[in-house]
Amino acid sequence: MTRLPLLHGVGGPYDEAIIFGGIGLLLIALGFLSWKASKSKEERRKKRKARRKR
């Protein structure tokens, strides 16, 4: 099986690791931002329910 360098040999034998690591970091960052947004949305929902019960 021949090796196909994705970055034309720029990163040496770790071309694929660099690309997939970057994609992984991007997915982790998007997941964190999504979690943070849902957490703040839940807090707003709790405040709204508490205001209605008064």
Protein backbone atom coordinates (compact mmCIF):
# COMPACT_ATOMS: atom_id res chain seq x y z
CA MET A 1 0.00 0.00 0.00
CA THR A 2 1.48 3.33 -1.00
CA ARG A 3 1.33 6.30 1.33
CA LEU A 4 -0.46 9.36 -0.01
CA PRO A 5 0.71 12.50 1.83
CA LEU A 6 -2.19 14.89 2.28
CA LEU A 7 -0.09 18.02 2.79
CA HIS A 8 2.47 17.10 0.13
CA GLY A 9 5.05 16.10 2.70
CA VAL A 10 4.98 19.36 4.65
CA GLY A 11 4.31 17.68 8.00
CA GLY A 12 6.33 14.58 7.26
CA PRO A 13 4.72 11.29 8.21
CA TYR A 14 2.25 13.09 10.50
CA ASP A 15 0.18 14.85 7.81
CA GLU A 16 -2.94 12.84 8.56
CA ALA A 17 -2.54 13.30 12.32
CA ILE A 18 -2.33 17.07 11.89
CA ILE A 19 -5.47 17.23 9.75
CA PHE A 20 -7.56 14.82 11.85
CA GLY A 21 -6.34 16.46 15.05
CA GLY A 22 -7.48 19.84 13.74
CA ILE A 23 -10.88 18.42 12.82
CA GLY A 24 -11.12 16.84 16.27
CA LEU A 25 -10.30 20.13 17.98
CA LEU A 26 -12.92 21.88 15.88
CA LEU A 27 -15.55 19.31 16.87
CA ILE A 28 -14.63 19.63 20.54
CA ALA A 29 -14.88 23.43 20.36
CA LEU A 30 -18.27 23.29 18.64
CA GLY A 31 -19.52 20.76 21.18
CA PHE A 32 -18.40 23.00 24.05
CA LEU A 33 -20.10 26.05 22.55
CA SER A 34 -23.29 24.07 22.01
CA TRP A 35 -23.22 22.82 25.62
CA LYS A 36 -22.62 26.34 26.90
CA ALA A 37 -25.52 27.73 24.86
CA SER A 38 -27.91 25.02 26.05
CA LYS A 39 -26.85 25.60 29.65
CA SER A 40 -27.58 29.33 29.43
CA LYS A 41 -30.88 28.61 27.69
CA GLU A 42 -31.86 26.30 30.55
CA GLU A 43 -30.97 29.00 33.09
CA ARG A 44 -33.20 31.51 31.28
CA ARG A 45 -36.01 28.97 31.23
CA LYS A 46 -35.67 28.41 35.00
CA LYS A 47 -35.78 32.15 35.68
CA ARG A 48 -38.89 32.51 33.55
CA LYS A 49 -40.66 29.67 35.41
CA ALA A 50 -39.70 31.16 38.80
CA ARG A 51 -41.07 34.54 37.76
CA ARG A 52 -44.40 32.97 36.74
CA LYS A 53 -44.84 31.13 40.06
CA ARG A 54 -44.74 34.32 42.16
